[in-house]
Amino acid sequence: MRITRITAWHVPLTSHQPYYMAAGKTCETVTSVVLRIDTASSLSGWGEVCPIPHYLPAYSRGVVPAVEEMAAALLGQDYDSPEAAMARLDACLPGHVYAKSAIDIALWDVFGTALGVPLYTLLGGRRADDLPLYHSITCIAPEEMARIAGDAHAAGIRQFQVKLGADNDWQADVARLRLVREAVGDGPLVYGDWNCGATRLDAIRTGRAVAGLDIMLEQPCAGLEDCASVKAATGLPMKLDEAAHDAASLLRGRDLDCMDAVALKLSKFGGLSAARRARDLCLHLGARMCVECTWGSDIVTAAALHLAAATPPQAVLNVCDLSGYVSPRLDPAAPVRAGCRIAPPDGQGLGVRPDETVLGDPVAVFDVS
């Protein structure tokens, strides 16, 4: 598959409501970078990456310069797999996995389209018709968070991520978890997520205060060792996110016994190729997986759904319909939630095709010279 052109767009995505997290992280309007890779055989593939400010070592305005740096290793070259292309990019530009993620997704889209099959066929074969969703609740007043949880529960959702730490008040975080648990009743999964923004002391105090409520904790501290200490002190299960980003960190999380569940975010690992390898490692380690990405719209949501659908269902904790939290939608025909579940697209490749009138004018075009 010979690559002839790469086109990039910046698309502002606005959350339906401001989305507050610990340590000052906010999603309100965030720039998503959309890429299209064109080939000599007239096939195209779409990719997307949407870094959240202050969240990970990733910057939306850094994607296109990184793509320009890598373009020489892609344009005019003939590749027989996405992995072969990514190996060359790793040699060309070490690191910058978030920028590579959008390229990798687009390459998988091209190859799936060329073969005439949905991506889940190439990622392990379809293992589930649809997938369980979680609903993420912005960190605001505890009573309002409980109302949001109750509304989502009434709509069928049974897994709830409760954002914590936006006001640096551990007692308010206790109230958030208690009131959300009361709003959804016994049974549904409720977990509190600090996005690395808690001290070990505050996380332990919060966890001990809700230890009798069937709560899971998510990434309270930046370091794996601190997360392990919080789990040991509270007796509560732990989900890793930001600190789990490659094979070494997954193995370390297992060794520290703080990885009962883990978020496999495509841009954190570097795209579908690397996330598929991480998925297979997590299957070996026995950690349940949330398969998603940092933020974004229909392209990256579809990519994550394909990987999750090709994963044994018992290993999938949940997925996220990121495109359901923002506007505009890039492809109005892309999948949407149905109650508490969502299905991957069935078309060739990713199965989504953005409306280019929504994308606006490209910010960069790289051609074969």
Protein backbone atom coordinates (compact mmCIF):
# COMPACT_ATOMS: atom_id res chain seq x y z
CA MET A 1 0.00 0.00 0.00
CA ARG A 2 1.81 3.11 -1.24
CA ILE A 3 1.06 6.29 0.69
CA THR A 4 0.75 9.43 -1.42
CA ARG A 5 -0.77 12.14 0.80
CA ILE A 6 -1.44 13.05 4.43
CA THR A 7 -4.00 15.76 5.21
CA ALA A 8 -4.57 17.23 8.68
CA TRP A 9 -7.38 19.22 10.25
CA HIS A 10 -7.82 20.92 13.62
CA VAL A 11 -11.37 20.43 14.88
CA PRO A 12 -12.55 22.13 18.10
CA LEU A 13 -14.67 19.72 20.15
CA THR A 14 -16.90 21.28 22.80
CA SER A 15 -18.13 19.25 25.75
CA HIS A 16 -21.87 19.26 26.33
CA GLN A 17 -21.01 20.54 29.80
CA PRO A 18 -17.65 21.68 31.24
CA TYR A 19 -15.75 18.63 32.42
CA TYR A 20 -13.71 19.15 35.59
CA MET A 21 -10.99 16.88 36.97
CA ALA A 22 -8.38 17.06 39.72
CA ALA A 23 -5.27 19.24 39.54
CA GLY A 24 -6.92 21.85 37.32
CA LYS A 25 -7.52 19.58 34.34
CA THR A 26 -10.57 20.70 32.34
CA CYS A 27 -12.30 19.66 29.15
CA GLU A 28 -14.51 22.38 27.73
CA THR A 29 -13.36 23.07 24.18
CA VAL A 30 -10.43 20.89 23.13
CA THR A 31 -8.71 20.65 19.74
CA SER A 32 -8.90 17.28 18.06
CA VAL A 33 -6.47 16.52 15.23
CA VAL A 34 -7.98 14.56 12.35
CA LEU A 35 -5.76 12.93 9.72
CA ARG A 36 -6.56 11.36 6.36
CA ILE A 37 -4.01 9.15 4.64
CA ASP A 38 -4.47 8.66 0.89
CA THR A 39 -2.89 5.90 -1.17
CA ALA A 40 -1.95 5.30 -4.79
CA SER A 41 -4.81 2.80 -5.03
CA SER A 42 -7.34 5.60 -4.25
CA LEU A 43 -8.08 4.21 -0.81
CA SER A 44 -8.13 6.50 2.23
CA GLY A 45 -7.90 5.99 5.97
CA TRP A 46 -8.89 8.26 8.83
CA GLY A 47 -7.19 8.83 12.17
CA GLU A 48 -7.78 11.10 15.16
CA VAL A 49 -6.05 12.15 18.36
CA CYS A 50 -7.37 14.60 20.93
CA PRO A 51 -4.98 15.35 23.81
CA ILE A 52 -6.49 16.87 26.96
CA PRO A 53 -4.44 19.85 28.23
CA HIS A 54 -2.23 19.04 31.25
CA TYR A 55 -3.27 15.37 31.15
CA LEU A 56 -0.41 13.43 29.51
CA PRO A 57 2.81 14.34 27.67
CA ALA A 58 0.78 15.28 24.60
CA TYR A 59 -0.13 18.56 22.92
CA SER A 60 -2.65 18.94 20.10
CA ARG A 61 -0.65 21.68 18.37
CA GLY A 62 2.36 19.37 18.39
CA VAL A 63 0.71 16.66 16.31
CA VAL A 64 1.03 18.24 12.87
CA PRO A 65 4.74 19.22 13.29
CA ALA A 66 5.43 15.64 14.40
CA VAL A 67 3.54 14.29 11.38
CA GLU A 68 5.58 16.59 9.13
CA GLU A 69 8.75 15.16 10.67
CA MET A 70 7.54 11.62 9.97
CA ALA A 71 6.07 12.30 6.52
CA ALA A 72 9.29 11.44 4.69
CA ALA A 73 9.18 7.95 6.20
CA LEU A 74 5.61 7.47 4.96
CA LEU A 75 5.11 9.29 1.67
CA GLY A 76 5.98 7.29 -1.41
CA GLN A 77 6.65 4.19 0.64
CA ASP A 78 4.90 0.86 0.14
CA TYR A 79 3.88 -0.93 3.33
CA ASP A 80 2.24 -4.32 3.75
CA SER A 81 1.01 -3.74 7.33
CA PRO A 82 0.42 -0.89 9.80
CA GLU A 83 3.03 -2.41 12.13
CA ALA A 84 5.72 -2.18 9.43
CA ALA A 85 4.98 1.51 8.94
CA MET A 86 4.98 2.19 12.68
CA ALA A 87 8.35 0.46 13.11
CA ARG A 88 9.83 2.82 10.55
CA LEU A 89 8.25 5.82 12.27
CA ASP A 90 9.74 4.75 15.60
CA ALA A 91 13.17 4.77 13.98
CA CYS A 92 12.48 8.15 12.36
CA LEU A 93 11.12 9.92 15.45
CA PRO A 94 11.45 8.24 18.87
CA GLY A 95 8.58 8.88 21.26
CA HIS A 96 5.70 11.21 20.36
CA VAL A 97 3.33 8.26 20.59
CA TYR A 98 0.25 10.48 20.69
CA ALA A 99 1.03 11.85 17.21
CA LYS A 100 1.79 8.37 15.92
CA SER A 101 -1.56 7.15 17.26
CA ALA A 102 -3.56 9.11 14.67
CA ILE A 103 -1.32 7.81 11.86
CA ASP A 104 -1.60 4.23 13.08
CA ILE A 105 -5.40 4.37 13.28
CA ALA A 106 -5.57 5.76 9.73
CA LEU A 107 -3.27 3.01 8.44
CA TRP A 108 -5.45 0.32 10.02
CA ASP A 109 -8.46 1.96 8.37
CA VAL A 110 -6.72 1.79 4.98
CA PHE A 111 -5.79 -1.87 5.35
CA GLY A 112 -9.23 -2.89 6.61
CA THR A 113 -10.85 -1.08 3.70
CA ALA A 114 -8.44 -2.69 1.21
CA LEU A 115 -9.34 -6.14 2.56
CA GLY A 116 -13.05 -5.32 2.70
CA VAL A 117 -13.48 -6.21 6.38
CA PRO A 118 -14.22 -4.33 9.63
CA LEU A 119 -11.18 -3.69 11.77
CA TYR A 120 -12.32 -6.03 14.53
CA THR A 121 -11.76 -8.89 12.06
CA LEU A 122 -8.07 -7.95 11.83
CA LEU A 123 -7.67 -7.29 15.56
CA GLY A 124 -8.64 -10.77 16.69
CA GLY A 125 -12.10 -11.43 15.33
CA ARG A 126 -15.40 -10.19 16.70
CA ARG A 127 -15.98 -11.56 20.20
CA ALA A 128 -18.98 -9.45 21.25
CA ASP A 129 -22.00 -7.98 19.50
CA ASP A 130 -21.89 -4.90 21.71
CA LEU A 131 -19.96 -3.55 24.68
CA PRO A 132 -20.70 -2.19 28.17
CA LEU A 133 -20.44 1.57 28.63
CA TYR A 134 -19.47 3.60 31.64
CA HIS A 135 -20.69 7.14 32.26
CA SER A 136 -18.13 9.71 33.40
CA ILE A 137 -19.38 12.38 35.81
CA THR A 138 -17.65 15.76 35.95
CA CYS A 139 -16.32 16.84 39.36
CA ILE A 140 -18.85 19.38 40.59
CA ALA A 141 -21.08 19.61 43.68
CA PRO A 142 -21.77 16.16 45.18
CA GLU A 143 -25.57 16.54 44.97
CA GLU A 144 -25.42 17.48 41.29
CA MET A 145 -23.13 14.56 40.53
CA ALA A 146 -25.62 12.24 42.22
CA ARG A 147 -28.42 13.69 40.06
CA ILE A 148 -26.37 13.05 36.89
CA ALA A 149 -25.69 9.49 38.05
CA GLY A 150 -29.38 8.91 38.76
CA ASP A 151 -30.38 10.14 35.31
CA ALA A 152 -27.76 7.93 33.63
CA HIS A 153 -28.88 4.97 35.71
CA ALA A 154 -32.47 5.54 34.62
CA ALA A 155 -31.24 5.49 31.01
CA GLY A 156 -29.65 2.07 31.55
CA ILE A 157 -26.04 2.81 32.50
CA ARG A 158 -24.60 0.49 35.16
CA GLN A 159 -20.99 1.70 35.42
CA PHE A 160 -20.08 5.14 36.79
CA GLN A 161 -16.78 6.98 36.89
CA VAL A 162 -16.93 9.70 39.55
CA LYS A 163 -14.35 12.43 39.01
CA LEU A 164 -12.74 13.58 42.25
CA GLY A 165 -10.33 16.18 43.57
CA ALA A 166 -11.27 19.32 41.63
CA ASP A 167 -11.67 21.31 44.88
CA ASN A 168 -8.87 19.62 46.89
CA ASP A 169 -11.37 18.60 49.58
CA TRP A 170 -11.19 14.92 50.49
CA GLN A 171 -14.38 15.11 52.55
CA ALA A 172 -16.26 16.48 49.52
CA ASP A 173 -14.88 13.51 47.56
CA VAL A 174 -16.28 11.17 50.20
CA ALA A 175 -19.67 12.86 49.77
CA ARG A 176 -19.44 12.48 45.99
CA LEU A 177 -18.86 8.74 46.24
CA ARG A 178 -21.50 8.22 48.95
CA LEU A 179 -24.21 10.18 47.13
CA VAL A 180 -23.53 8.58 43.74
CA ARG A 181 -23.65 5.14 45.35
CA GLU A 182 -26.99 6.04 46.97
CA ALA A 183 -28.33 7.35 43.64
CA VAL A 184 -27.55 4.18 41.69
CA GLY A 185 -28.13 1.62 44.46
CA ASP A 186 -26.31 -1.63 45.09
CA GLY A 187 -24.84 -3.55 42.19
CA PRO A 188 -23.65 -0.99 39.62
CA LEU A 189 -19.91 -0.34 39.43
CA VAL A 190 -18.88 2.97 40.98
CA TYR A 191 -15.29 4.15 40.92
CA GLY A 192 -13.64 7.39 41.96
CA ASP A 193 -11.01 8.86 39.65
CA TRP A 194 -8.48 11.48 40.74
CA ASN A 195 -6.49 11.54 37.46
CA CYS A 196 -3.24 11.56 39.50
CA GLY A 197 -4.41 14.63 41.46
CA ALA A 198 -4.55 13.29 45.04
CA THR A 199 -1.92 13.04 47.71
CA ARG A 200 -1.45 9.57 49.10
CA LEU A 201 -2.82 10.77 52.46
CA ASP A 202 -6.03 12.26 51.04
CA ALA A 203 -6.63 9.22 48.83
CA ILE A 204 -6.24 6.90 51.82
CA ARG A 205 -8.58 8.98 53.99
CA THR A 206 -11.17 9.06 51.22
CA GLY A 207 -10.86 5.35 50.50
CA ARG A 208 -11.14 4.33 54.13
CA ALA A 209 -14.24 6.50 54.57
CA VAL A 210 -16.06 4.68 51.73
CA ALA A 211 -14.53 1.23 52.25
CA GLY A 212 -17.92 -0.29 53.07
CA LEU A 213 -19.67 1.02 49.93
CA ASP A 214 -18.35 -1.28 47.19
CA ILE A 215 -16.17 1.37 45.53
CA MET A 216 -13.20 1.03 43.20
CA LEU A 217 -10.46 3.68 43.07
CA GLU A 218 -8.77 4.96 39.92
CA GLN A 219 -5.28 6.45 39.63
CA PRO A 220 -5.23 8.58 42.79
CA CYS A 221 -1.51 9.40 42.52
CA ALA A 222 0.92 9.77 39.65
CA GLY A 223 3.27 6.97 40.73
CA LEU A 224 2.53 3.27 40.67
CA GLU A 225 4.10 2.79 44.10
CA ASP A 226 1.80 5.41 45.67
CA CYS A 227 -1.24 3.82 44.01
CA ALA A 228 -0.17 0.47 45.44
CA SER A 229 0.14 2.04 48.90
CA VAL A 230 -3.38 3.47 48.65
CA LYS A 231 -4.78 0.09 47.65
CA ALA A 232 -2.97 -1.66 50.50
CA ALA A 233 -4.15 0.92 53.07
CA THR A 234 -7.79 0.98 51.97
CA GLY A 235 -8.41 -2.59 50.84
CA LEU A 236 -10.20 -1.25 47.75
CA PRO A 237 -9.58 -2.46 44.18
CA MET A 238 -7.51 -0.18 41.97
CA LYS A 239 -7.79 0.82 38.33
CA LEU A 240 -4.73 2.31 36.64
CA ASP A 241 -4.83 4.87 33.87
CA GLU A 242 -2.16 7.52 33.32
CA ALA A 243 0.67 5.47 34.85
CA ALA A 244 -0.03 2.45 32.61
CA HIS A 245 1.23 3.32 29.14
CA ASP A 246 3.55 0.56 27.93
CA ALA A 247 4.49 -3.07 28.60
CA ALA A 248 6.93 -2.19 31.39
CA SER A 249 4.37 -0.16 33.33
CA LEU A 250 1.72 -2.86 32.92
CA LEU A 251 4.12 -5.46 34.29
CA ARG A 252 5.10 -3.17 37.16
CA GLY A 253 1.45 -2.54 38.03
CA ARG A 254 0.86 -6.28 38.18
CA ASP A 255 3.94 -6.83 40.35
CA LEU A 256 2.77 -4.12 42.79
CA ASP A 257 -0.73 -5.65 42.89
CA CYS A 258 -2.41 -2.36 42.03
CA MET A 259 -3.81 -3.20 38.58
CA ASP A 260 -7.17 -4.87 39.10
CA ALA A 261 -8.32 -2.92 36.04
CA VAL A 262 -6.54 -0.69 33.55
CA ALA A 263 -7.43 1.94 30.95
CA LEU A 264 -6.02 1.10 27.52
CA LYS A 265 -6.16 4.48 25.78
CA LEU A 266 -5.05 4.37 22.17
CA SER A 267 -3.11 7.64 22.15
CA LYS A 268 -1.37 6.75 25.41
CA PHE A 269 0.15 3.64 23.87
CA GLY A 270 0.60 4.92 20.30
CA GLY A 271 -2.40 3.65 18.35
CA LEU A 272 -4.13 0.38 17.61
CA SER A 273 -0.92 -1.56 16.90
CA ALA A 274 0.57 -0.89 20.33
CA ALA A 275 -2.79 -1.05 22.13
CA ARG A 276 -3.43 -4.48 20.63
CA ARG A 277 -0.14 -5.71 22.07
CA ALA A 278 -1.04 -4.17 25.44
CA ARG A 279 -4.46 -5.86 25.24
CA ASP A 280 -2.81 -9.24 24.75
CA LEU A 281 -0.45 -8.64 27.66
CA CYS A 282 -3.36 -7.67 29.92
CA LEU A 283 -5.15 -10.88 28.94
CA HIS A 284 -2.09 -12.76 30.17
CA LEU A 285 -1.88 -10.69 33.38
CA GLY A 286 -5.57 -11.03 34.17
CA ALA A 287 -6.39 -7.31 34.37
CA ARG A 288 -9.80 -6.20 33.15
CA MET A 289 -9.65 -3.45 30.56
CA CYS A 290 -11.37 -0.18 29.77
CA VAL A 291 -10.68 0.23 26.04
CA GLU A 292 -10.94 3.86 24.95
CA CYS A 293 -8.84 6.97 24.29
CA THR A 294 -8.14 10.24 26.06
CA TRP A 295 -10.79 12.33 24.27
CA GLY A 296 -12.13 12.77 20.77
CA SER A 297 -15.05 12.12 18.47
CA ASP A 298 -16.29 9.44 16.10
CA ILE A 299 -13.00 8.28 14.56
CA VAL A 300 -11.17 7.44 17.76
CA THR A 301 -14.35 6.12 19.38
CA ALA A 302 -14.80 3.68 16.48
CA ALA A 303 -11.17 2.56 16.66
CA ALA A 304 -11.46 1.74 20.37
CA LEU A 305 -14.75 -0.10 19.84
CA HIS A 306 -13.17 -2.33 17.20
CA LEU A 307 -10.34 -3.32 19.56
CA ALA A 308 -12.76 -3.93 22.44
CA ALA A 309 -15.09 -6.03 20.26
CA ALA A 310 -12.11 -8.23 19.33
CA THR A 311 -11.29 -8.85 23.00
CA PRO A 312 -12.76 -11.71 25.09
CA PRO A 313 -15.87 -10.18 26.72
CA GLN A 314 -14.92 -11.30 30.22
CA ALA A 315 -11.77 -9.17 30.00
CA VAL A 316 -13.57 -5.98 28.94
CA LEU A 317 -14.58 -3.88 31.92
CA ASN A 318 -16.12 -1.15 29.78
CA VAL A 319 -15.72 1.26 26.87
CA CYS A 320 -16.58 4.94 26.41
CA ASP A 321 -18.61 6.68 23.71
CA LEU A 322 -16.32 9.71 23.68
CA SER A 323 -18.19 11.15 20.71
CA GLY A 324 -21.34 11.23 22.84
CA TYR A 325 -19.79 13.79 25.21
CA VAL A 326 -18.86 16.39 22.57
CA SER A 327 -19.99 18.27 19.52
CA PRO A 328 -19.75 18.40 16.60
CA ARG A 329 -20.10 14.79 15.56
CA LEU A 330 -17.69 14.05 12.72
CA ASP A 331 -19.84 11.29 11.23
CA PRO A 332 -23.56 11.55 12.05
CA ALA A 333 -23.98 7.87 11.08
CA ALA A 334 -21.38 6.62 13.56
CA PRO A 335 -22.40 4.40 16.50
CA VAL A 336 -24.30 5.83 19.47
CA ARG A 337 -25.13 4.29 22.84
CA ALA A 338 -28.20 2.10 23.16
CA GLY A 339 -29.06 1.98 26.85
CA CYS A 340 -25.89 0.87 28.61
CA ARG A 341 -24.12 -0.59 25.57
CA ILE A 342 -22.66 0.37 22.21
CA ALA A 343 -21.70 -1.67 19.13
CA PRO A 344 -18.74 -1.14 16.79
CA PRO A 345 -19.39 -0.09 13.19
CA ASP A 346 -19.85 -2.91 10.68
CA GLY A 347 -18.47 -1.18 7.59
CA GLN A 348 -15.09 -1.77 6.03
CA GLY A 349 -12.09 -0.55 7.99
CA LEU A 350 -13.14 1.79 10.78
CA GLY A 351 -16.63 1.97 9.35
CA VAL A 352 -16.85 5.75 9.84
CA ARG A 353 -16.31 8.47 7.27
CA PRO A 354 -16.20 12.07 8.51
CA ASP A 355 -18.24 14.80 6.88
CA GLU A 356 -15.47 17.03 5.50
CA THR A 357 -17.73 20.08 5.65
CA VAL A 358 -17.61 19.68 9.44
CA LEU A 359 -13.82 19.50 9.43
CA GLY A 360 -13.31 22.88 7.77
CA ASP A 361 -10.13 23.79 5.90
CA PRO A 362 -7.06 21.58 6.34
CA VAL A 363 -4.21 22.98 8.42
CA ALA A 364 -1.59 20.97 6.52
CA VAL A 365 -1.21 18.76 3.45
CA PHE A 366 1.88 16.61 2.86
CA ASP A 367 2.30 15.14 -0.64
CA VAL A 368 4.79 12.91 -2.40
CA SER A 369 7.46 15.29 -3.65
